[in-house]
């Protein structure tokens, strides 16, 4: 059992080091040797867990995406109204992006780079299924504009990454009022105007 825990700890240390180094240096300036050094393992050890750098980055992406979506949907119930469900999920996502800054930054980097392969992206999208289902129900009920999931995401969720980066740079402070205004803007951008 102790051996298994040690193995899990090493893998987690490699993932944590990958997130930190990619956030600070970008993908291309993050060699495997640096990741191993930061994780306190020998470079050869990485290859016990990951095939190569691409595999390490893809698996890190999927791990972080799972954490993000588990948090986002933790208190969500599919029987909620579309508006209540969206508000709850949106605010949980906002909370994750502010509290889990390193993980959220890593995901933002992944969204803006060709480093993540398509199968890993598709796997990441699967984790968002409850939100996609909620949007589908909203469209069926005539509450949400009948647009592509990509457009719905781009207008309602993606601005949170911009706000998070602005806060990280110290140019903007997201307080309760700003979060409420941002939520209202997100909801207004996707709901059908009656």
C-alpha atoms as a PDB file:
ATOM      1  CA  UNK A   1       0.000   0.000   0.000  1.00  0.00           C
ATOM      2  CA  UNK A   2       2.801   2.420   0.923  1.00  0.00           C
ATOM      3  CA  UNK A   3       4.422   1.725  -2.449  1.00  0.00           C
ATOM      4  CA  UNK A   4       1.189   2.605  -4.267  1.00  0.00           C
ATOM      5  CA  UNK A   5       0.852   5.858  -2.284  1.00  0.00           C
ATOM      6  CA  UNK A   6       4.459   6.762  -3.129  1.00  0.00           C
ATOM      7  CA  UNK A   7       3.671   6.171  -6.801  1.00  0.00           C
ATOM      8  CA  UNK A   8       0.540   8.385  -6.606  1.00  0.00           C
ATOM      9  CA  UNK A   9       2.558  11.076  -4.808  1.00  0.00           C
ATOM     10  CA  UNK A  10       5.237  11.050  -7.544  1.00  0.00           C
ATOM     11  CA  UNK A  11       2.629  11.332 -10.294  1.00  0.00           C
ATOM     12  CA  UNK A  12       0.914  14.192  -8.438  1.00  0.00           C
ATOM     13  CA  UNK A  13       4.250  15.950  -7.907  1.00  0.00           C
ATOM     14  CA  UNK A  14       4.956  15.701 -11.661  1.00  0.00           C
ATOM     15  CA  UNK A  15       1.524  17.126 -12.498  1.00  0.00           C
ATOM     16  CA  UNK A  16       1.928  19.960  -9.975  1.00  0.00           C
ATOM     17  CA  UNK A  17       5.390  20.803 -11.363  1.00  0.00           C
ATOM     18  CA  UNK A  18       4.041  20.751 -14.932  1.00  0.00           C
ATOM     19  CA  UNK A  19       1.266  23.206 -14.035  1.00  0.00           C
ATOM     20  CA  UNK A  20       3.634  25.591 -12.259  1.00  0.00           C
ATOM     21  CA  UNK A  21       6.334  25.531 -14.933  1.00  0.00           C
ATOM     22  CA  UNK A  22       3.911  25.845 -17.852  1.00  0.00           C
ATOM     23  CA  UNK A  23       2.157  28.770 -16.115  1.00  0.00           C
ATOM     24  CA  UNK A  24       5.467  30.563 -15.538  1.00  0.00           C
ATOM     25  CA  UNK A  25       7.411  29.671 -18.680  1.00  0.00           C
ATOM     26  CA  UNK A  26       4.916  28.423 -21.271  1.00  0.00           C
ATOM     27  CA  UNK A  27       4.872  24.970 -22.849  1.00  0.00           C
ATOM     28  CA  UNK A  28       7.926  25.217 -25.035  1.00  0.00           C
ATOM     29  CA  UNK A  29      10.228  26.556 -22.321  1.00  0.00           C
ATOM     30  CA  UNK A  30       9.330  23.689 -19.988  1.00  0.00           C
ATOM     31  CA  UNK A  31      11.688  20.763 -20.611  1.00  0.00           C
ATOM     32  CA  UNK A  32      11.098  17.359 -18.978  1.00  0.00           C
ATOM     33  CA  UNK A  33      14.364  17.754 -17.021  1.00  0.00           C
ATOM     34  CA  UNK A  34      13.016  20.900 -15.296  1.00  0.00           C
ATOM     35  CA  UNK A  35       9.713  19.167 -14.490  1.00  0.00           C
ATOM     36  CA  UNK A  36      11.586  16.184 -12.980  1.00  0.00           C
ATOM     37  CA  UNK A  37      13.848  18.471 -10.933  1.00  0.00           C
ATOM     38  CA  UNK A  38      10.922  20.465  -9.539  1.00  0.00           C
ATOM     39  CA  UNK A  39       8.979  17.268  -8.747  1.00  0.00           C
ATOM     40  CA  UNK A  40      12.067  15.855  -7.039  1.00  0.00           C
ATOM     41  CA  UNK A  41      12.242  12.745  -9.216  1.00  0.00           C
ATOM     42  CA  UNK A  42      14.826  11.495 -11.665  1.00  0.00           C
ATOM     43  CA  UNK A  43      14.090  12.373 -15.316  1.00  0.00           C
ATOM     44  CA  UNK A  44      13.793   8.622 -16.070  1.00  0.00           C
ATOM     45  CA  UNK A  45      10.990   8.320 -13.488  1.00  0.00           C
ATOM     46  CA  UNK A  46       8.709  10.553 -15.591  1.00  0.00           C
ATOM     47  CA  UNK A  47       8.618   7.851 -18.257  1.00  0.00           C
ATOM     48  CA  UNK A  48       7.172   5.336 -15.782  1.00  0.00           C
ATOM     49  CA  UNK A  49       4.048   7.514 -15.658  1.00  0.00           C
ATOM     50  CA  UNK A  50       3.966   9.305 -19.004  1.00  0.00           C
ATOM     51  CA  UNK A  51       5.069   8.320 -22.520  1.00  0.00           C
ATOM     52  CA  UNK A  52       6.531  11.734 -23.354  1.00  0.00           C
ATOM     53  CA  UNK A  53       6.019  15.453 -22.784  1.00  0.00           C
ATOM     54  CA  UNK A  54       2.880  15.494 -24.961  1.00  0.00           C
ATOM     55  CA  UNK A  55       1.367  12.678 -22.876  1.00  0.00           C
ATOM     56  CA  UNK A  56       2.326  14.441 -19.615  1.00  0.00           C
ATOM     57  CA  UNK A  57       0.725  17.698 -20.744  1.00  0.00           C
ATOM     58  CA  UNK A  58      -2.423  15.965 -22.073  1.00  0.00           C
ATOM     59  CA  UNK A  59      -2.894  13.953 -18.863  1.00  0.00           C
ATOM     60  CA  UNK A  60      -2.263  17.048 -16.728  1.00  0.00           C
ATOM     61  CA  UNK A  61      -4.888  18.887 -18.775  1.00  0.00           C
ATOM     62  CA  UNK A  62      -7.449  16.100 -18.288  1.00  0.00           C
ATOM     63  CA  UNK A  63      -6.696  15.884 -14.537  1.00  0.00           C
ATOM     64  CA  UNK A  64      -7.108  19.632 -14.067  1.00  0.00           C
ATOM     65  CA  UNK A  65     -10.222  19.738 -16.273  1.00  0.00           C
ATOM     66  CA  UNK A  66     -11.772  16.977 -14.120  1.00  0.00           C
ATOM     67  CA  UNK A  67     -11.002  18.935 -10.917  1.00  0.00           C
ATOM     68  CA  UNK A  68     -12.505  22.056 -12.462  1.00  0.00           C
ATOM     69  CA  UNK A  69     -15.714  20.389 -13.600  1.00  0.00           C
ATOM     70  CA  UNK A  70     -16.116  18.327 -10.391  1.00  0.00           C
ATOM     71  CA  UNK A  71     -16.021  21.625  -8.515  1.00  0.00           C
ATOM     72  CA  UNK A  72     -18.329  23.382 -10.982  1.00  0.00           C
ATOM     73  CA  UNK A  73     -21.049  20.726 -10.785  1.00  0.00           C
ATOM     74  CA  UNK A  74     -20.611  19.606  -7.153  1.00  0.00           C
ATOM     75  CA  UNK A  75     -23.838  21.223  -5.912  1.00  0.00           C
ATOM     76  CA  UNK A  76     -25.699  21.282  -9.235  1.00  0.00           C
ATOM     77  CA  UNK A  77     -28.951  19.350  -9.576  1.00  0.00           C
ATOM     78  CA  UNK A  78     -30.343  18.644 -13.063  1.00  0.00           C
ATOM     79  CA  UNK A  79     -33.890  19.281 -11.805  1.00  0.00           C
ATOM     80  CA  UNK A  80     -33.131  22.975 -11.174  1.00  0.00           C
ATOM     81  CA  UNK A  81     -34.611  25.569 -13.519  1.00  0.00           C
ATOM     82  CA  UNK A  82     -32.338  26.459 -16.444  1.00  0.00           C
ATOM     83  CA  UNK A  83     -31.628  29.926 -15.045  1.00  0.00           C
ATOM     84  CA  UNK A  84     -30.924  28.728 -11.486  1.00  0.00           C
ATOM     85  CA  UNK A  85     -28.755  25.889 -12.786  1.00  0.00           C
ATOM     86  CA  UNK A  86     -26.754  28.201 -15.025  1.00  0.00           C
ATOM     87  CA  UNK A  87     -26.261  30.751 -12.238  1.00  0.00           C
ATOM     88  CA  UNK A  88     -25.059  28.088  -9.816  1.00  0.00           C
ATOM     89  CA  UNK A  89     -22.634  26.519 -12.330  1.00  0.00           C
ATOM     90  CA  UNK A  90     -21.381  29.916 -13.555  1.00  0.00           C
ATOM     91  CA  UNK A  91     -20.690  31.152 -10.017  1.00  0.00           C
ATOM     92  CA  UNK A  92     -18.939  27.899  -9.080  1.00  0.00           C
ATOM     93  CA  UNK A  93     -16.742  28.264 -12.185  1.00  0.00           C
ATOM     94  CA  UNK A  94     -15.967  31.872 -11.223  1.00  0.00           C
ATOM     95  CA  UNK A  95     -15.111  30.744  -7.712  1.00  0.00           C
ATOM     96  CA  UNK A  96     -12.813  27.988  -9.024  1.00  0.00           C
ATOM     97  CA  UNK A  97     -11.006  30.420 -11.321  1.00  0.00           C
ATOM     98  CA  UNK A  98     -10.341  32.784  -8.419  1.00  0.00           C
ATOM     99  CA  UNK A  99      -9.541  30.228  -5.706  1.00  0.00           C
ATOM    100  CA  UNK A 100      -7.697  27.643  -7.834  1.00  0.00           C
ATOM    101  CA  UNK A 101      -5.755  30.242  -9.756  1.00  0.00           C
ATOM    102  CA  UNK A 102      -2.839  27.979 -10.798  1.00  0.00           C
ATOM    103  CA  UNK A 103      -5.166  25.287 -12.168  1.00  0.00           C
ATOM    104  CA  UNK A 104      -7.401  27.835 -13.888  1.00  0.00           C
ATOM    105  CA  UNK A 105      -4.388  29.554 -15.481  1.00  0.00           C
ATOM    106  CA  UNK A 106      -3.119  26.218 -16.743  1.00  0.00           C
ATOM    107  CA  UNK A 107      -6.499  25.507 -18.382  1.00  0.00           C
ATOM    108  CA  UNK A 108      -6.530  28.996 -19.924  1.00  0.00           C
ATOM    109  CA  UNK A 109      -3.050  28.341 -21.372  1.00  0.00           C
ATOM    110  CA  UNK A 110      -4.248  24.989 -22.735  1.00  0.00           C
ATOM    111  CA  UNK A 111      -7.253  26.613 -24.379  1.00  0.00           C
ATOM    112  CA  UNK A 112      -4.927  28.972 -26.249  1.00  0.00           C
ATOM    113  CA  UNK A 113      -2.309  26.550 -27.498  1.00  0.00           C
ATOM    114  CA  UNK A 114      -2.063  23.720 -30.006  1.00  0.00           C
ATOM    115  CA  UNK A 115      -0.089  21.703 -27.373  1.00  0.00           C
ATOM    116  CA  UNK A 116      -3.139  19.695 -26.246  1.00  0.00           C
ATOM    117  CA  UNK A 117      -4.115  16.993 -28.730  1.00  0.00           C
ATOM    118  CA  UNK A 118      -7.663  16.650 -30.042  1.00  0.00           C
ATOM    119  CA  UNK A 119      -8.543  13.409 -28.173  1.00  0.00           C
ATOM    120  CA  UNK A 120      -7.572  15.113 -24.890  1.00  0.00           C
ATOM    121  CA  UNK A 121      -9.651  18.181 -25.779  1.00  0.00           C
ATOM    122  CA  UNK A 122     -12.636  15.946 -26.544  1.00  0.00           C
ATOM    123  CA  UNK A 123     -12.105  14.163 -23.221  1.00  0.00           C
ATOM    124  CA  UNK A 124     -12.036  17.583 -21.530  1.00  0.00           C
ATOM    125  CA  UNK A 125     -15.299  18.603 -23.223  1.00  0.00           C
ATOM    126  CA  UNK A 126     -16.987  15.419 -21.947  1.00  0.00           C
ATOM    127  CA  UNK A 127     -16.404  16.690 -18.419  1.00  0.00           C
ATOM    128  CA  UNK A 128     -18.608  19.695 -19.266  1.00  0.00           C
ATOM    129  CA  UNK A 129     -21.581  17.509 -20.213  1.00  0.00           C
ATOM    130  CA  UNK A 130     -23.935  18.701 -17.411  1.00  0.00           C
ATOM    131  CA  UNK A 131     -23.522  22.297 -18.656  1.00  0.00           C
ATOM    132  CA  UNK A 132     -24.035  21.268 -22.292  1.00  0.00           C
ATOM    133  CA  UNK A 133     -27.154  19.313 -21.259  1.00  0.00           C
ATOM    134  CA  UNK A 134     -28.453  22.343 -19.346  1.00  0.00           C
ATOM    135  CA  UNK A 135     -27.940  24.557 -22.421  1.00  0.00           C
ATOM    136  CA  UNK A 136     -29.689  21.995 -24.614  1.00  0.00           C
ATOM    137  CA  UNK A 137     -32.656  21.959 -22.224  1.00  0.00           C
ATOM    138  CA  UNK A 138     -32.612  25.778 -22.174  1.00  0.00           C
ATOM    139  CA  UNK A 139     -32.740  25.888 -25.979  1.00  0.00           C
ATOM    140  CA  UNK A 140     -35.571  23.308 -26.045  1.00  0.00           C
ATOM    141  CA  UNK A 141     -37.529  25.389 -23.490  1.00  0.00           C
ATOM    142  CA  UNK A 142     -36.929  28.590 -25.482  1.00  0.00           C
ATOM    143  CA  UNK A 143     -34.930  30.185 -22.627  1.00  0.00           C
ATOM    144  CA  UNK A 144     -31.447  30.050 -24.193  1.00  0.00           C
ATOM    145  CA  UNK A 145     -30.588  31.282 -27.689  1.00  0.00           C
ATOM    146  CA  UNK A 146     -30.300  28.409 -30.168  1.00  0.00           C
ATOM    147  CA  UNK A 147     -26.546  28.776 -30.745  1.00  0.00           C
ATOM    148  CA  UNK A 148     -23.586  26.407 -30.908  1.00  0.00           C
ATOM    149  CA  UNK A 149     -22.149  25.265 -27.540  1.00  0.00           C
ATOM    150  CA  UNK A 150     -18.909  26.945 -28.623  1.00  0.00           C
ATOM    151  CA  UNK A 151     -20.630  30.330 -28.935  1.00  0.00           C
ATOM    152  CA  UNK A 152     -22.504  29.852 -25.659  1.00  0.00           C
ATOM    153  CA  UNK A 153     -19.202  29.012 -23.945  1.00  0.00           C
ATOM    154  CA  UNK A 154     -17.308  31.843 -25.648  1.00  0.00           C
ATOM    155  CA  UNK A 155     -19.806  34.480 -24.520  1.00  0.00           C
ATOM    156  CA  UNK A 156     -20.797  33.221 -21.090  1.00  0.00           C
ATOM    157  CA  UNK A 157     -17.870  31.282 -19.588  1.00  0.00           C
ATOM    158  CA  UNK A 158     -14.716  32.360 -21.419  1.00  0.00           C
ATOM    159  CA  UNK A 159     -14.796  36.002 -20.220  1.00  0.00           C
ATOM    160  CA  UNK A 160     -14.032  34.622 -16.742  1.00  0.00           C
ATOM    161  CA  UNK A 161     -10.540  33.675 -17.951  1.00  0.00           C
ATOM    162  CA  UNK A 162      -9.923  37.253 -19.083  1.00  0.00           C
ATOM    163  CA  UNK A 163     -11.140  38.610 -15.725  1.00  0.00           C
ATOM    164  CA  UNK A 164      -9.022  36.087 -13.817  1.00  0.00           C
ATOM    165  CA  UNK A 165      -5.898  37.080 -15.778  1.00  0.00           C
ATOM    166  CA  UNK A 166      -6.637  40.777 -15.168  1.00  0.00           C
ATOM    167  CA  UNK A 167      -6.951  40.104 -11.443  1.00  0.00           C
ATOM    168  CA  UNK A 168      -3.718  38.077 -11.428  1.00  0.00           C
ATOM    169  CA  UNK A 169      -1.900  40.991 -13.089  1.00  0.00           C
ATOM    170  CA  UNK A 170      -3.346  43.312 -10.454  1.00  0.00           C
ATOM    171  CA  UNK A 171      -5.166  45.522 -12.983  1.00  0.00           C
ATOM    172  CA  UNK A 172      -8.683  44.624 -11.827  1.00  0.00           C
ATOM    173  CA  UNK A 173     -10.152  43.381  -8.548  1.00  0.00           C
ATOM    174  CA  UNK A 174     -13.123  41.031  -8.814  1.00  0.00           C
ATOM    175  CA  UNK A 175     -15.344  41.865  -5.856  1.00  0.00           C
ATOM    176  CA  UNK A 176     -18.901  40.616  -5.176  1.00  0.00           C
ATOM    177  CA  UNK A 177     -20.432  43.439  -7.251  1.00  0.00           C
ATOM    178  CA  UNK A 178     -18.196  42.708 -10.253  1.00  0.00           C
ATOM    179  CA  UNK A 179     -18.976  38.992 -10.054  1.00  0.00           C
ATOM    180  CA  UNK A 180     -22.704  39.766 -10.001  1.00  0.00           C
ATOM    181  CA  UNK A 181     -22.343  42.180 -12.960  1.00  0.00           C
ATOM    182  CA  UNK A 182     -20.245  39.629 -14.864  1.00  0.00           C
ATOM    183  CA  UNK A 183     -22.829  36.914 -14.179  1.00  0.00           C
ATOM    184  CA  UNK A 184     -25.695  39.156 -15.385  1.00  0.00           C
ATOM    185  CA  UNK A 185     -23.706  39.965 -18.546  1.00  0.00           C
ATOM    186  CA  UNK A 186     -23.049  36.260 -19.143  1.00  0.00           C
ATOM    187  CA  UNK A 187     -26.711  35.337 -18.645  1.00  0.00           C
ATOM    188  CA  UNK A 188     -27.919  38.233 -20.813  1.00  0.00           C
ATOM    189  CA  UNK A 189     -25.573  37.161 -23.614  1.00  0.00           C
ATOM    190  CA  UNK A 190     -27.136  33.692 -23.927  1.00  0.00           C
ATOM    191  CA  UNK A 191     -30.758  34.050 -22.789  1.00  0.00           C
ATOM    192  CA  UNK A 192     -33.601  34.687 -25.194  1.00  0.00           C
ATOM    193  CA  UNK A 193     -34.894  38.231 -24.738  1.00  0.00           C
ATOM    194  CA  UNK A 194     -38.656  38.247 -24.129  1.00  0.00           C
END
